[in-house]
Amino acid sequence: MEQLIWRTEPPSGQPIMAVALRGLFDVAGAATDAIGHLDQRGTPTDIASIDPEVFFDFTQERPMVRLEDDGTRSLAWPQNDARAMTIDDDPLVTLAGIEPHLRWRTFADAIAAIAVRCDAKLVVTLGAMVGMAPHTRPLGVVGSATNPELARRLGLSRPSYEGPTGLVGVLHDSLNRAKLPVISLRVSVPHYVPSAPNPEATRSLLARFELVTGITTEHRSLDDAAADWRQRVDSAVSDDDEMATYVTQLEKQVDASVDDLLPSGDDLAAELQAFLRDQQSDTD
């Protein structure tokens, strides 16, 4: 695949691969911020990139001109780079990029090719969607998996949505065709506070990623930023009686509902490892 450029040999050790793309499924930049946080946990090495030339309408996603320290000018094109690292002995490959405008199937196949060549044992896609979530409650993360056994072991839902989809939906199809286990984690962002950044949403995604994979994310390092975010929203809501009443209604709805959220048991990572061992045994 000529659009896929390898920078160095992929890592060994069957890493988990985490993917987030700026676009429809990255409200407030929460998902790509989560990948950025993971990159800061390790010492990432660029291993591959996807050439943007055939995937982007550059009138919509324009390259940026930058002035270097020596005064020279350079162009920065939309980037979709894969990075490898190790976090506390756990191998990890991350890709935080930008949802393309064109050739979605080819683009998704490129990401799947990275996962295959890295011998990834699992791909986790991170996303953020607007929802009826009050900012005064922990932002819930919904998890799903198309593999029925993986869904059963981790207590995840099976995707039931039918209708128009985005690049992430196309990517899941490509990963399934490549016979790679894939989990989707999606945080619900309050629809009345969709602007970036949202450290509360990013923290929620990282906490659930850690719970499922066992990879330490140090999500609690975002506690102060999340508290500041909530305080700012509290202040804005308190100045608007109509909005304050609306948030109270959302609180009642959320408190009375049972969302399809990930279970919180400590054995999730153990169940995942058991599933991956069984998968490996089936291919031996």
C-alpha atoms as a PDB file:
ATOM      1  CA  MET A   1       0.000   0.000   0.000  1.00  0.00           C
ATOM      2  CA  GLU A   2       1.825   3.059  -1.306  1.00  0.00           C
ATOM      3  CA  GLN A   3       0.009   5.509   1.005  1.00  0.00           C
ATOM      4  CA  LEU A   4       1.437   3.733   4.060  1.00  0.00           C
ATOM      5  CA  ILE A   5       4.993   4.846   4.852  1.00  0.00           C
ATOM      6  CA  TRP A   6       7.025   2.821   7.342  1.00  0.00           C
ATOM      7  CA  ARG A   7       9.568   4.829   9.320  1.00  0.00           C
ATOM      8  CA  THR A   8      11.135   1.920  11.188  1.00  0.00           C
ATOM      9  CA  GLU A   9      10.554  -1.727  11.908  1.00  0.00           C
ATOM     10  CA  PRO A  10       7.384  -2.334  13.939  1.00  0.00           C
ATOM     11  CA  PRO A  11       7.760  -3.343  17.580  1.00  0.00           C
ATOM     12  CA  SER A  12       7.643  -6.893  18.845  1.00  0.00           C
ATOM     13  CA  GLY A  13       5.659  -8.200  21.764  1.00  0.00           C
ATOM     14  CA  GLN A  14       2.093  -8.139  20.382  1.00  0.00           C
ATOM     15  CA  PRO A  15       1.119  -4.631  21.457  1.00  0.00           C
ATOM     16  CA  ILE A  16      -2.334  -3.253  22.061  1.00  0.00           C
ATOM     17  CA  MET A  17      -3.153  -0.539  19.537  1.00  0.00           C
ATOM     18  CA  ALA A  18      -5.183   2.545  20.512  1.00  0.00           C
ATOM     19  CA  VAL A  19      -6.710   4.745  17.798  1.00  0.00           C
ATOM     20  CA  ALA A  20      -8.521   8.097  17.883  1.00  0.00           C
ATOM     21  CA  LEU A  21      -9.333  10.389  14.974  1.00  0.00           C
ATOM     22  CA  ARG A  22     -10.291  14.030  15.111  1.00  0.00           C
ATOM     23  CA  GLY A  23     -13.679  14.487  13.497  1.00  0.00           C
ATOM     24  CA  LEU A  24     -17.261  13.306  13.976  1.00  0.00           C
ATOM     25  CA  PHE A  25     -16.430  10.925  16.836  1.00  0.00           C
ATOM     26  CA  ASP A  26     -14.070  13.223  18.737  1.00  0.00           C
ATOM     27  CA  VAL A  27     -16.277  15.846  20.365  1.00  0.00           C
ATOM     28  CA  ALA A  28     -14.232  18.361  22.394  1.00  0.00           C
ATOM     29  CA  GLY A  29     -11.080  16.567  21.230  1.00  0.00           C
ATOM     30  CA  ALA A  30     -11.481  14.200  24.180  1.00  0.00           C
ATOM     31  CA  ALA A  31     -10.391  11.050  22.335  1.00  0.00           C
ATOM     32  CA  THR A  32      -7.320  12.457  20.575  1.00  0.00           C
ATOM     33  CA  ASP A  33      -6.348  14.180  23.836  1.00  0.00           C
ATOM     34  CA  ALA A  34      -6.476  10.764  25.505  1.00  0.00           C
ATOM     35  CA  ILE A  35      -4.036   9.369  22.940  1.00  0.00           C
ATOM     36  CA  GLY A  36      -1.808  12.402  23.479  1.00  0.00           C
ATOM     37  CA  HIS A  37      -1.830  11.661  27.202  1.00  0.00           C
ATOM     38  CA  LEU A  38      -0.777   8.058  26.533  1.00  0.00           C
ATOM     39  CA  ASP A  39       2.050   9.253  24.297  1.00  0.00           C
ATOM     40  CA  GLN A  40       3.333  11.361  27.170  1.00  0.00           C
ATOM     41  CA  ARG A  41       3.369   8.299  29.434  1.00  0.00           C
ATOM     42  CA  GLY A  42       5.913   6.496  27.284  1.00  0.00           C
ATOM     43  CA  THR A  43       8.765   7.394  24.992  1.00  0.00           C
ATOM     44  CA  PRO A  44       7.063   7.092  21.613  1.00  0.00           C
ATOM     45  CA  THR A  45       8.890   6.232  18.412  1.00  0.00           C
ATOM     46  CA  ASP A  46       7.306   7.056  15.057  1.00  0.00           C
ATOM     47  CA  ILE A  47       6.926   3.789  13.179  1.00  0.00           C
ATOM     48  CA  ALA A  48       4.556   4.593  10.315  1.00  0.00           C
ATOM     49  CA  SER A  49       2.551   7.379   8.730  1.00  0.00           C
ATOM     50  CA  ILE A  50      -0.265   7.612   6.206  1.00  0.00           C
ATOM     51  CA  ASP A  51       0.434   9.974   3.304  1.00  0.00           C
ATOM     52  CA  PRO A  52      -2.372  12.578   3.378  1.00  0.00           C
ATOM     53  CA  GLU A  53      -2.232  13.421  -0.346  1.00  0.00           C
ATOM     54  CA  VAL A  54      -5.088  11.229  -1.600  1.00  0.00           C
ATOM     55  CA  PHE A  55      -7.256  11.335   1.515  1.00  0.00           C
ATOM     56  CA  PHE A  56      -7.857  15.019   2.209  1.00  0.00           C
ATOM     57  CA  ASP A  57      -9.582  17.942   0.585  1.00  0.00           C
ATOM     58  CA  PHE A  58      -6.999  20.561   1.439  1.00  0.00           C
ATOM     59  CA  THR A  59      -9.529  23.364   1.057  1.00  0.00           C
ATOM     60  CA  GLN A  60     -11.138  21.940   4.207  1.00  0.00           C
ATOM     61  CA  GLU A  61      -8.069  20.664   6.072  1.00  0.00           C
ATOM     62  CA  ARG A  62      -5.389  23.090   5.010  1.00  0.00           C
ATOM     63  CA  PRO A  63      -1.665  22.546   5.545  1.00  0.00           C
ATOM     64  CA  MET A  64      -0.106  24.969   7.996  1.00  0.00           C
ATOM     65  CA  VAL A  65       2.872  27.223   7.281  1.00  0.00           C
ATOM     66  CA  ARG A  66       5.365  27.404  10.118  1.00  0.00           C
ATOM     67  CA  LEU A  67       8.457  29.470  10.744  1.00  0.00           C
ATOM     68  CA  GLU A  68      11.344  27.466  12.143  1.00  0.00           C
ATOM     69  CA  ASP A  69      13.804  28.821  14.719  1.00  0.00           C
ATOM     70  CA  ASP A  70      16.257  29.652  11.951  1.00  0.00           C
ATOM     71  CA  GLY A  71      13.617  31.667  10.056  1.00  0.00           C
ATOM     72  CA  THR A  72      12.958  29.116   7.319  1.00  0.00           C
ATOM     73  CA  ARG A  73       9.384  28.282   6.342  1.00  0.00           C
ATOM     74  CA  SER A  74       7.963  24.770   6.380  1.00  0.00           C
ATOM     75  CA  LEU A  75       4.631  23.158   5.615  1.00  0.00           C
ATOM     76  CA  ALA A  76       2.878  20.892   8.104  1.00  0.00           C
ATOM     77  CA  TRP A  77       0.386  18.549   6.443  1.00  0.00           C
ATOM     78  CA  PRO A  78      -2.458  16.673   8.169  1.00  0.00           C
ATOM     79  CA  GLN A  79      -0.815  13.891  10.119  1.00  0.00           C
ATOM     80  CA  ASN A  80      -1.846  10.333  10.820  1.00  0.00           C
ATOM     81  CA  ASP A  81       1.178   8.804  12.506  1.00  0.00           C
ATOM     82  CA  ALA A  82       1.552   5.533  14.381  1.00  0.00           C
ATOM     83  CA  ARG A  83       3.860   5.499  17.397  1.00  0.00           C
ATOM     84  CA  ALA A  84       5.234   2.631  19.445  1.00  0.00           C
ATOM     85  CA  MET A  85       6.130   2.731  23.110  1.00  0.00           C
ATOM     86  CA  THR A  86       6.228   0.703  26.285  1.00  0.00           C
ATOM     87  CA  ILE A  87       4.328   1.705  29.416  1.00  0.00           C
ATOM     88  CA  ASP A  88       5.328  -0.229  32.523  1.00  0.00           C
ATOM     89  CA  ASP A  89       6.460  -3.174  30.369  1.00  0.00           C
ATOM     90  CA  ASP A  90       3.217  -3.152  28.355  1.00  0.00           C
ATOM     91  CA  PRO A  91       3.799  -2.625  24.598  1.00  0.00           C
ATOM     92  CA  LEU A  92       1.474  -0.067  23.048  1.00  0.00           C
ATOM     93  CA  VAL A  93       0.976   1.423  19.585  1.00  0.00           C
ATOM     94  CA  THR A  94      -1.010   4.651  19.280  1.00  0.00           C
ATOM     95  CA  LEU A  95      -2.465   6.530  16.364  1.00  0.00           C
ATOM     96  CA  ALA A  96      -4.009   9.954  16.947  1.00  0.00           C
ATOM     97  CA  GLY A  97      -4.925  11.442  13.622  1.00  0.00           C
ATOM     98  CA  ILE A  98      -7.538  13.220  11.547  1.00  0.00           C
ATOM     99  CA  GLU A  99     -10.584  11.680   9.913  1.00  0.00           C
ATOM    100  CA  PRO A 100     -10.026  11.998   6.150  1.00  0.00           C
ATOM    101  CA  HIS A 101     -12.476  13.365   3.604  1.00  0.00           C
ATOM    102  CA  LEU A 102     -11.844  10.842   0.826  1.00  0.00           C
ATOM    103  CA  ARG A 103     -11.164   7.134   0.247  1.00  0.00           C
ATOM    104  CA  TRP A 104     -12.316   5.994   3.635  1.00  0.00           C
ATOM    105  CA  ARG A 105     -11.987   2.299   2.840  1.00  0.00           C
ATOM    106  CA  THR A 106      -8.376   2.665   1.693  1.00  0.00           C
ATOM    107  CA  PHE A 107      -7.555   4.796   4.731  1.00  0.00           C
ATOM    108  CA  ALA A 108      -9.130   2.274   7.117  1.00  0.00           C
ATOM    109  CA  ASP A 109      -7.263  -0.558   5.407  1.00  0.00           C
ATOM    110  CA  ALA A 110      -4.010   1.369   5.980  1.00  0.00           C
ATOM    111  CA  ILE A 111      -4.672   1.535   9.719  1.00  0.00           C
ATOM    112  CA  ALA A 112      -5.576  -2.158   9.737  1.00  0.00           C
ATOM    113  CA  ALA A 113      -2.328  -2.898   7.879  1.00  0.00           C
ATOM    114  CA  ILE A 114      -0.375  -1.124  10.612  1.00  0.00           C
ATOM    115  CA  ALA A 115      -2.113  -3.237  13.256  1.00  0.00           C
ATOM    116  CA  VAL A 116      -1.454  -6.456  11.316  1.00  0.00           C
ATOM    117  CA  ARG A 117       2.226  -5.741  10.697  1.00  0.00           C
ATOM    118  CA  CYS A 118       2.698  -4.773  14.359  1.00  0.00           C
ATOM    119  CA  ASP A 119       1.035  -8.084  15.277  1.00  0.00           C
ATOM    120  CA  ALA A 120      -1.371  -6.176  17.520  1.00  0.00           C
ATOM    121  CA  LYS A 121      -3.346  -8.490  19.765  1.00  0.00           C
ATOM    122  CA  LEU A 122      -6.165  -5.963  20.205  1.00  0.00           C
ATOM    123  CA  VAL A 123      -7.246  -2.623  18.744  1.00  0.00           C
ATOM    124  CA  VAL A 124      -9.140  -0.142  20.923  1.00  0.00           C
ATOM    125  CA  THR A 125     -10.833   2.814  19.245  1.00  0.00           C
ATOM    126  CA  LEU A 126     -11.518   5.825  21.453  1.00  0.00           C
ATOM    127  CA  GLY A 127     -14.305   8.265  20.695  1.00  0.00           C
ATOM    128  CA  ALA A 128     -16.441  11.044  22.161  1.00  0.00           C
ATOM    129  CA  MET A 129     -20.045  11.827  21.281  1.00  0.00           C
ATOM    130  CA  VAL A 130     -22.468  14.506  22.391  1.00  0.00           C
ATOM    131  CA  GLY A 131     -25.137  13.133  24.699  1.00  0.00           C
ATOM    132  CA  MET A 132     -27.691  13.911  27.369  1.00  0.00           C
ATOM    133  CA  ALA A 133     -25.021  13.858  30.049  1.00  0.00           C
ATOM    134  CA  PRO A 134     -25.026  16.435  32.859  1.00  0.00           C
ATOM    135  CA  HIS A 135     -21.598  17.854  33.647  1.00  0.00           C
ATOM    136  CA  THR A 136     -22.291  17.302  37.354  1.00  0.00           C
ATOM    137  CA  ARG A 137     -22.087  13.514  37.023  1.00  0.00           C
ATOM    138  CA  PRO A 138     -19.193  11.276  35.968  1.00  0.00           C
ATOM    139  CA  LEU A 139     -19.209  11.102  32.181  1.00  0.00           C
ATOM    140  CA  GLY A 140     -20.150   7.574  31.212  1.00  0.00           C
ATOM    141  CA  VAL A 141     -18.161   5.473  28.773  1.00  0.00           C
ATOM    142  CA  VAL A 142     -19.983   2.949  26.596  1.00  0.00           C
ATOM    143  CA  GLY A 143     -18.024  -0.074  25.421  1.00  0.00           C
ATOM    144  CA  SER A 144     -18.868  -2.437  22.594  1.00  0.00           C
ATOM    145  CA  ALA A 145     -17.285  -5.248  20.621  1.00  0.00           C
ATOM    146  CA  THR A 146     -18.426  -7.026  17.473  1.00  0.00           C
ATOM    147  CA  ASN A 147     -16.761 -10.276  18.537  1.00  0.00           C
ATOM    148  CA  PRO A 148     -19.453 -12.111  20.530  1.00  0.00           C
ATOM    149  CA  GLU A 149     -17.012 -13.948  22.808  1.00  0.00           C
ATOM    150  CA  LEU A 150     -15.051 -10.787  23.593  1.00  0.00           C
ATOM    151  CA  ALA A 151     -18.300  -8.928  24.299  1.00  0.00           C
ATOM    152  CA  ARG A 152     -19.488 -11.715  26.604  1.00  0.00           C
ATOM    153  CA  ARG A 153     -16.284 -11.943  28.599  1.00  0.00           C
ATOM    154  CA  LEU A 154     -15.981  -8.203  29.172  1.00  0.00           C
ATOM    155  CA  GLY A 155     -19.679  -7.510  29.589  1.00  0.00           C
ATOM    156  CA  LEU A 156     -19.729  -5.300  26.498  1.00  0.00           C
ATOM    157  CA  SER A 157     -22.636  -4.632  24.205  1.00  0.00           C
ATOM    158  CA  ARG A 158     -22.787  -5.733  20.575  1.00  0.00           C
ATOM    159  CA  PRO A 159     -23.184  -2.852  18.114  1.00  0.00           C
ATOM    160  CA  SER A 160     -26.833  -2.479  17.131  1.00  0.00           C
ATOM    161  CA  TYR A 161     -26.759   0.845  15.262  1.00  0.00           C
ATOM    162  CA  GLU A 162     -27.982   0.920  11.679  1.00  0.00           C
ATOM    163  CA  GLY A 163     -27.612   3.991   9.471  1.00  0.00           C
ATOM    164  CA  PRO A 164     -24.983   6.427   8.199  1.00  0.00           C
ATOM    165  CA  THR A 165     -21.584   5.946   9.804  1.00  0.00           C
ATOM    166  CA  GLY A 166     -18.254   7.699  10.019  1.00  0.00           C
ATOM    167  CA  LEU A 167     -14.686   6.649   9.445  1.00  0.00           C
ATOM    168  CA  VAL A 168     -14.606   4.752  12.745  1.00  0.00           C
ATOM    169  CA  GLY A 169     -17.416   2.486  11.549  1.00  0.00           C
ATOM    170  CA  VAL A 170     -15.491   1.802   8.343  1.00  0.00           C
ATOM    171  CA  LEU A 171     -12.340   1.127  10.377  1.00  0.00           C
ATOM    172  CA  HIS A 172     -14.131  -1.426  12.550  1.00  0.00           C
ATOM    173  CA  ASP A 173     -15.269  -3.229   9.409  1.00  0.00           C
ATOM    174  CA  SER A 174     -11.707  -3.283   8.080  1.00  0.00           C
ATOM    175  CA  LEU A 175     -10.340  -4.600  11.375  1.00  0.00           C
ATOM    176  CA  ASN A 176     -13.006  -7.283  11.507  1.00  0.00           C
ATOM    177  CA  ARG A 177     -12.108  -8.396   7.977  1.00  0.00           C
ATOM    178  CA  ALA A 178      -8.474  -8.589   9.111  1.00  0.00           C
ATOM    179  CA  LYS A 179      -9.672 -10.831  11.987  1.00  0.00           C
ATOM    180  CA  LEU A 180      -8.361  -8.417  14.619  1.00  0.00           C
ATOM    181  CA  PRO A 181     -10.236  -8.134  17.934  1.00  0.00           C
ATOM    182  CA  VAL A 182     -11.496  -4.586  18.373  1.00  0.00           C
ATOM    183  CA  ILE A 183     -13.170  -2.748  21.242  1.00  0.00           C
ATOM    184  CA  SER A 184     -14.887   0.624  20.942  1.00  0.00           C
ATOM    185  CA  LEU A 185     -14.888   3.002  23.924  1.00  0.00           C
ATOM    186  CA  ARG A 186     -17.054   6.122  23.613  1.00  0.00           C
ATOM    187  CA  VAL A 187     -17.503   8.813  26.234  1.00  0.00           C
ATOM    188  CA  SER A 188     -20.672  10.905  26.407  1.00  0.00           C
ATOM    189  CA  VAL A 189     -19.961  14.659  26.391  1.00  0.00           C
ATOM    190  CA  PRO A 190     -22.620  17.122  27.640  1.00  0.00           C
ATOM    191  CA  HIS A 191     -24.220  18.522  24.511  1.00  0.00           C
ATOM    192  CA  TYR A 192     -24.378  22.006  26.018  1.00  0.00           C
ATOM    193  CA  VAL A 193     -20.593  22.062  26.589  1.00  0.00           C
ATOM    194  CA  PRO A 194     -19.153  20.633  23.351  1.00  0.00           C
ATOM    195  CA  SER A 195     -16.083  22.851  23.144  1.00  0.00           C
ATOM    196  CA  ALA A 196     -12.522  21.668  23.686  1.00  0.00           C
ATOM    197  CA  PRO A 197     -10.758  20.834  25.836  1.00  0.00           C
ATOM    198  CA  ASN A 198     -12.775  18.574  28.105  1.00  0.00           C
ATOM    199  CA  PRO A 199     -10.376  16.995  30.611  1.00  0.00           C
ATOM    200  CA  GLU A 200     -13.271  15.270  32.394  1.00  0.00           C
ATOM    201  CA  ALA A 201     -14.176  13.346  29.223  1.00  0.00           C
ATOM    202  CA  THR A 202     -10.530  12.559  28.496  1.00  0.00           C
ATOM    203  CA  ARG A 203     -10.036  11.291  32.046  1.00  0.00           C
ATOM    204  CA  SER A 204     -13.107   9.047  31.762  1.00  0.00           C
ATOM    205  CA  LEU A 205     -11.821   7.498  28.534  1.00  0.00           C
ATOM    206  CA  LEU A 206      -8.379   6.876  30.000  1.00  0.00           C
ATOM    207  CA  ALA A 207      -9.820   5.331  33.153  1.00  0.00           C
ATOM    208  CA  ARG A 208     -11.907   2.861  31.140  1.00  0.00           C
ATOM    209  CA  PHE A 209      -9.023   2.114  28.775  1.00  0.00           C
ATOM    210  CA  GLU A 210      -6.897   1.226  31.791  1.00  0.00           C
ATOM    211  CA  LEU A 211      -9.664  -0.883  33.301  1.00  0.00           C
ATOM    212  CA  VAL A 212     -10.111  -2.925  30.138  1.00  0.00           C
ATOM    213  CA  THR A 213      -6.502  -3.294  28.985  1.00  0.00           C
ATOM    214  CA  GLY A 214      -4.577  -3.166  32.254  1.00  0.00           C
ATOM    215  CA  ILE A 215      -2.249  -0.493  30.814  1.00  0.00           C
ATOM    216  CA  THR A 216      -1.686   2.217  33.412  1.00  0.00           C
ATOM    217  CA  THR A 217      -2.724   5.620  32.118  1.00  0.00           C
ATOM    218  CA  GLU A 218      -2.246   7.872  35.164  1.00  0.00           C
ATOM    219  CA  HIS A 219      -5.672   9.316  34.444  1.00  0.00           C
ATOM    220  CA  ARG A 220      -5.783  10.788  37.940  1.00  0.00           C
ATOM    221  CA  SER A 221      -3.193  13.323  36.849  1.00  0.00           C
ATOM    222  CA  LEU A 222      -6.151  15.011  35.120  1.00  0.00           C
ATOM    223  CA  ASP A 223      -8.183  15.310  38.345  1.00  0.00           C
ATOM    224  CA  ASP A 224      -7.315  18.958  38.944  1.00  0.00           C
ATOM    225  CA  ALA A 225      -7.979  19.954  35.336  1.00  0.00           C
ATOM    226  CA  ALA A 226     -11.304  18.092  35.397  1.00  0.00           C
ATOM    227  CA  ALA A 227     -12.313  19.798  38.646  1.00  0.00           C
ATOM    228  CA  ASP A 228     -11.461  23.203  37.183  1.00  0.00           C
ATOM    229  CA  TRP A 229     -13.522  22.408  34.081  1.00  0.00           C
ATOM    230  CA  ARG A 230     -16.532  21.405  36.150  1.00  0.00           C
ATOM    231  CA  GLN A 231     -16.215  24.534  38.300  1.00  0.00           C
ATOM    232  CA  ARG A 232     -16.191  26.780  35.226  1.00  0.00           C
ATOM    233  CA  VAL A 233     -19.273  25.079  33.820  1.00  0.00           C
ATOM    234  CA  ASP A 234     -20.983  25.279  37.236  1.00  0.00           C
ATOM    235  CA  SER A 235     -20.357  29.015  37.285  1.00  0.00           C
ATOM    236  CA  ALA A 236     -21.778  29.510  33.797  1.00  0.00           C
ATOM    237  CA  VAL A 237     -24.855  27.375  34.521  1.00  0.00           C
ATOM    238  CA  SER A 238     -25.593  29.101  37.842  1.00  0.00           C
ATOM    239  CA  ASP A 239     -25.916  32.422  36.004  1.00  0.00           C
ATOM    240  CA  ASP A 240     -28.701  31.016  33.808  1.00  0.00           C
ATOM    241  CA  ASP A 241     -31.835  29.875  35.688  1.00  0.00           C
ATOM    242  CA  GLU A 242     -33.250  28.088  32.640  1.00  0.00           C
ATOM    243  CA  MET A 243     -30.038  26.161  32.075  1.00  0.00           C
ATOM    244  CA  ALA A 244     -29.744  25.308  35.777  1.00  0.00           C
ATOM    245  CA  THR A 245     -33.256  23.825  35.694  1.00  0.00           C
ATOM    246  CA  TYR A 246     -32.390  21.862  32.559  1.00  0.00           C
ATOM    247  CA  VAL A 247     -29.250  20.406  34.150  1.00  0.00           C
ATOM    248  CA  THR A 248     -31.294  19.342  37.190  1.00  0.00           C
ATOM    249  CA  GLN A 249     -33.659  17.487  34.854  1.00  0.00           C
ATOM    250  CA  LEU A 250     -30.733  15.755  33.174  1.00  0.00           C
ATOM    251  CA  GLU A 251     -29.410  14.703  36.573  1.00  0.00           C
ATOM    252  CA  LYS A 252     -32.725  13.058  37.438  1.00  0.00           C
ATOM    253  CA  GLN A 253     -32.827  11.228  34.116  1.00  0.00           C
ATOM    254  CA  VAL A 254     -29.268   9.945  34.444  1.00  0.00           C
ATOM    255  CA  ASP A 255     -29.703   8.918  38.082  1.00  0.00           C
ATOM    256  CA  ALA A 256     -32.830   6.926  37.173  1.00  0.00           C
ATOM    257  CA  SER A 257     -31.366   5.191  34.135  1.00  0.00           C
ATOM    258  CA  VAL A 258     -29.160   2.158  33.781  1.00  0.00           C
ATOM    259  CA  ASP A 259     -26.748   2.925  30.978  1.00  0.00           C
ATOM    260  CA  ASP A 260     -25.028   0.298  28.872  1.00  0.00           C
ATOM    261  CA  LEU A 261     -21.695   1.111  30.473  1.00  0.00           C
ATOM    262  CA  LEU A 262     -18.674  -1.037  31.001  1.00  0.00           C
ATOM    263  CA  PRO A 263     -18.695  -3.137  34.162  1.00  0.00           C
ATOM    264  CA  SER A 264     -16.403  -1.884  36.882  1.00  0.00           C
ATOM    265  CA  GLY A 265     -15.065  -5.224  38.132  1.00  0.00           C
ATOM    266  CA  ASP A 266     -11.351  -5.635  38.745  1.00  0.00           C
ATOM    267  CA  ASP A 267     -11.255  -8.814  36.647  1.00  0.00           C
ATOM    268  CA  LEU A 268     -11.831  -7.156  33.261  1.00  0.00           C
ATOM    269  CA  ALA A 269      -8.151  -7.167  32.321  1.00  0.00           C
ATOM    270  CA  ALA A 270      -7.863 -10.821  33.369  1.00  0.00           C
ATOM    271  CA  GLU A 271     -10.836 -11.713  31.182  1.00  0.00           C
ATOM    272  CA  LEU A 272      -9.257  -9.871  28.256  1.00  0.00           C
ATOM    273  CA  GLN A 273      -5.973 -11.721  28.684  1.00  0.00           C
ATOM    274  CA  ALA A 274      -7.832 -15.036  28.822  1.00  0.00           C
ATOM    275  CA  PHE A 275      -9.667 -14.174  25.611  1.00  0.00           C
ATOM    276  CA  LEU A 276      -6.426 -13.206  23.857  1.00  0.00           C
ATOM    277  CA  ARG A 277      -4.756 -16.443  24.985  1.00  0.00           C
ATOM    278  CA  ASP A 278      -7.665 -18.414  23.576  1.00  0.00           C
ATOM    279  CA  GLN A 279      -7.401 -16.478  20.311  1.00  0.00           C
ATOM    280  CA  GLN A 280      -3.709 -17.276  20.093  1.00  0.00           C
ATOM    281  CA  SER A 281      -4.354 -20.962  20.797  1.00  0.00           C
ATOM    282  CA  ASP A 282      -6.884 -21.091  17.967  1.00  0.00           C
ATOM    283  CA  THR A 283      -4.295 -19.776  15.481  1.00  0.00           C
ATOM    284  CA  ASP A 284      -1.426 -22.051  16.613  1.00  0.00           C
END
